[in-house]
Every structure is written in structure tokens, then in C-alpha cells.
N, C-alpha and C. Protein backbone atom coordinates (compact mmCIF):
# COMPACT_ATOMS: atom_id res chain seq x y z
N MET A 1 180.85 140.23 24.66
CA MET A 1 181.31 141.00 23.44
C MET A 1 180.35 141.81 23.03
N LYS A 2 180.11 143.04 22.76
CA LYS A 2 179.21 143.90 22.67
C LYS A 2 178.78 143.65 21.14
N MET A 3 177.40 143.36 20.65
CA MET A 3 177.11 143.65 19.26
C MET A 3 176.42 144.69 18.86
N THR A 4 176.61 144.87 17.86
CA THR A 4 175.98 146.03 17.32
C THR A 4 174.27 145.46 16.67
N LYS A 5 173.56 146.37 16.37
CA LYS A 5 172.14 145.84 16.12
C LYS A 5 172.08 145.18 14.55
N ARG A 6 173.37 145.28 13.66
CA ARG A 6 173.32 144.68 12.49
C ARG A 6 174.03 143.53 12.92
N ASP A 7 174.97 143.20 13.80
CA ASP A 7 175.12 142.11 14.30
C ASP A 7 174.35 140.93 14.86
N ILE A 8 173.42 141.36 15.53
CA ILE A 8 172.40 140.80 16.49
C ILE A 8 171.46 140.49 15.09
N ALA A 9 171.42 141.32 14.37
CA ALA A 9 170.26 140.89 13.34
C ALA A 9 170.89 139.73 12.44
N GLY A 10 172.27 139.66 12.29
CA GLY A 10 172.83 138.72 11.40
C GLY A 10 172.98 137.49 12.14
N TYR A 11 172.95 137.55 13.56
CA TYR A 11 172.76 136.46 14.24
C TYR A 11 171.81 135.72 14.37
N LEU A 12 170.82 136.59 14.26
CA LEU A 12 169.29 136.01 14.43
C LEU A 12 168.66 136.07 13.10
N GLY A 13 169.59 135.89 11.90
CA GLY A 13 169.25 135.44 10.63
C GLY A 13 167.74 136.21 10.36
N ILE A 14 168.01 137.62 10.21
CA ILE A 14 166.77 138.45 9.97
C ILE A 14 167.53 139.84 9.43
N ASP A 15 167.03 140.56 8.74
CA ASP A 15 167.19 141.82 8.02
C ASP A 15 167.48 142.90 9.25
N TYR A 16 168.48 143.71 9.35
CA TYR A 16 168.82 144.72 10.50
C TYR A 16 167.48 145.66 10.38
N LYS A 17 167.01 145.83 9.35
CA LYS A 17 165.68 146.83 9.29
C LYS A 17 164.42 146.24 10.00
N THR A 18 164.47 145.01 10.16
CA THR A 18 163.72 143.99 10.74
C THR A 18 163.46 144.22 12.66
N LEU A 19 164.89 144.43 12.70
CA LEU A 19 165.14 144.61 14.41
C LEU A 19 164.82 145.99 14.78
N PHE A 20 165.15 147.02 14.16
CA PHE A 20 164.55 148.24 14.37
C PHE A 20 163.03 148.19 14.31
N ASN A 21 162.48 147.49 13.28
CA ASN A 21 160.76 147.43 13.05
C ASN A 21 160.21 146.96 14.73
N TRP A 22 160.71 145.91 14.86
CA TRP A 22 160.73 145.40 16.39
C TRP A 22 160.71 146.42 17.36
N GLU A 23 161.76 146.98 17.31
CA GLU A 23 161.96 148.07 18.40
C GLU A 23 160.77 149.03 18.43
N LYS A 24 160.70 149.56 17.30
CA LYS A 24 159.45 150.73 17.30
C LYS A 24 157.88 149.67 17.17
N ASP A 25 157.81 148.72 16.71
CA ASP A 25 156.40 148.36 16.39
C ASP A 25 156.01 147.20 17.52
N ARG A 26 156.97 146.34 17.78
CA ARG A 26 156.92 145.04 18.65
C ARG A 26 157.41 145.28 20.00
N PRO A 27 157.48 146.35 20.70
CA PRO A 27 158.51 146.58 22.02
C PRO A 27 158.71 145.09 22.92
N ASN A 28 157.84 144.52 23.11
CA ASN A 28 157.85 143.26 24.02
C ASN A 28 158.91 142.27 23.10
N LEU A 29 158.77 142.19 21.96
CA LEU A 29 159.44 140.90 21.05
C LEU A 29 161.01 141.31 21.36
N TYR A 30 161.22 142.65 21.03
CA TYR A 30 162.37 143.50 20.98
C TYR A 30 163.07 143.06 22.11
N LYS A 31 162.37 143.35 23.23
CA LYS A 31 162.90 143.22 24.62
C LYS A 31 163.01 141.88 25.09
N THR A 32 162.48 141.01 24.49
CA THR A 32 162.53 139.36 24.85
C THR A 32 163.63 139.05 24.00
N VAL A 33 163.89 139.58 22.84
CA VAL A 33 165.39 139.02 22.08
C VAL A 33 166.55 139.72 23.10
N MET A 34 166.39 140.99 23.29
CA MET A 34 167.42 141.86 23.69
C MET A 34 167.81 140.96 25.00
N LEU A 35 166.78 140.63 26.14
CA LEU A 35 166.94 139.76 27.14
C LEU A 35 167.84 138.62 26.97
N GLY A 36 167.07 138.12 26.03
CA GLY A 36 167.54 136.65 25.91
C GLY A 36 169.41 136.48 25.49
N LEU A 37 169.77 137.47 24.64
CA LEU A 37 170.98 137.57 24.16
C LEU A 37 171.82 137.95 25.55
N MET A 38 171.40 138.73 26.52
CA MET A 38 172.23 139.34 27.62
C MET A 38 172.16 138.31 28.31
N VAL A 39 171.08 137.23 28.60
CA VAL A 39 171.30 136.35 29.28
C VAL A 39 172.47 135.51 28.93
N ASP A 40 172.52 134.95 27.46
CA ASP A 40 173.63 134.36 26.98
C ASP A 40 175.12 134.63 27.31
N GLU A 41 174.71 136.18 27.24
CA GLU A 41 176.21 136.77 27.69
C GLU A 41 176.98 136.55 28.93
N ILE A 42 176.03 136.64 29.68
CA ILE A 42 176.04 136.82 31.24
C ILE A 42 176.51 135.36 32.00
N ILE A 43 175.83 134.55 30.96
CA ILE A 43 176.24 132.78 31.19
C ILE A 43 177.78 132.70 30.69
N GLU A 44 178.30 132.99 29.56
CA GLU A 44 179.53 133.06 28.90
C GLU A 44 180.28 133.34 29.87
N LYS A 45 180.25 134.73 30.43
CA LYS A 45 181.14 135.59 31.34
C LYS A 45 181.40 134.85 32.59
N ASN A 46 180.13 134.36 33.26
CA ASN A 46 180.51 133.46 34.40
C ASN A 46 181.24 132.23 33.96
N GLU A 47 180.75 131.46 33.00
CA GLU A 47 181.66 130.46 32.94
C GLU A 47 182.89 130.29 32.61
N LYS A 48 183.35 131.72 32.27
CA LYS A 48 185.10 132.15 31.90
C LYS A 48 185.42 132.42 33.12
N SER A 49 184.48 132.91 34.21
CA SER A 49 185.31 133.25 35.30
C SER A 49 185.25 131.89 36.45
N LEU A 50 184.16 131.24 36.00
CA LEU A 50 184.60 130.13 36.82
C LEU A 50 185.71 129.18 36.70
N HIS A 51 186.16 129.26 35.07
CA HIS A 51 187.22 128.40 34.72
C HIS A 51 188.21 129.04 35.45
N GLU A 52 188.56 130.34 35.12
CA GLU A 52 189.72 130.99 35.85
C GLU A 52 189.67 130.70 37.16
N LEU A 53 188.42 131.07 37.80
CA LEU A 53 188.84 130.65 39.32
C LEU A 53 189.26 129.04 39.70
N LYS A 54 188.96 128.28 38.87
CA LYS A 54 189.14 126.66 39.22
C LYS A 54 190.86 126.62 38.87
N GLU A 55 191.29 127.40 37.70
CA GLU A 55 192.53 127.39 37.36
C GLU A 55 193.41 128.06 38.54
N LEU A 56 193.16 129.08 39.35
CA LEU A 56 193.60 129.77 40.25
C LEU A 56 193.61 128.62 41.57
N LYS A 57 192.45 128.24 41.88
CA LYS A 57 192.34 127.08 42.83
C LYS A 57 193.57 125.73 42.87
N GLU A 58 193.33 125.46 41.18
CA GLU A 58 194.42 124.33 41.02
C GLU A 58 195.97 124.93 41.70
N SER A 59 196.02 126.21 40.94
CA SER A 59 197.32 126.49 40.69
C SER A 59 197.70 127.00 42.52
N PHE A 60 196.91 127.27 43.15
CA PHE A 60 197.09 127.48 44.69
C PHE A 60 197.27 126.15 45.25
N SER A 61 196.55 124.98 45.08
CA SER A 61 196.55 123.89 45.82
C SER A 61 197.90 123.32 45.42
N ILE A 62 198.49 123.67 44.33
CA ILE A 62 199.91 122.97 43.95
C ILE A 62 200.91 123.20 44.66
N LYS A 63 200.84 124.79 44.77
CA LYS A 63 201.74 125.41 45.40
C LYS A 63 201.99 125.23 47.13
N LYS A 64 200.47 124.99 47.68
CA LYS A 64 200.13 124.90 48.87
C LYS A 64 200.93 123.28 49.48
N GLN A 65 200.71 122.33 48.49
CA GLN A 65 201.12 120.98 49.10
C GLN A 65 202.59 120.74 48.89
N THR A 66 203.40 121.88 47.86
CA THR A 66 204.75 121.50 47.77
C THR A 66 205.38 122.75 48.77
N ALA A 67 204.55 123.12 49.46
CA ALA A 67 205.07 124.07 50.83
C ALA A 67 205.24 123.29 51.90
N PHE A 68 204.59 122.37 52.21
CA PHE A 68 204.49 121.35 53.22
C PHE A 68 205.24 120.18 53.25
């Protein structure tokens, strides 16, 4: 899910202007926060994909067993 800067600020419990100030005045902090959020999003997507793959495998295994 793509979050706006306002969404990110709310998630972090800070004013959205603080996030803009970090981007301008503390770029390393801003990059670290953004990378952390990206990692969380990637992990969530991969967990969903893994779940879907397991369901597909289970579905295929059931069909394979009934075919023999």
C-alpha cells in the first residue's frame, strides 16, 4: 500500500511538517525512515505471496492425489 507523507507522519506519530523538515534538514534520518518503511512493505508483500504459493501447492497436491 502506497502511503502519502501525511500517512507516514501519522504512522510515526509526528506532524507531517516534521517529515518534510527531516527530508530537507536531516536527509540521512529521512532516508533511514523511508527505507525502513519500504522494507516492511516488501516483507508484507512477500509473506502474502508465500501464503498464495502455499495455497496453490496445496490445491495442486490435492488434485494430483485424486488423479491417481
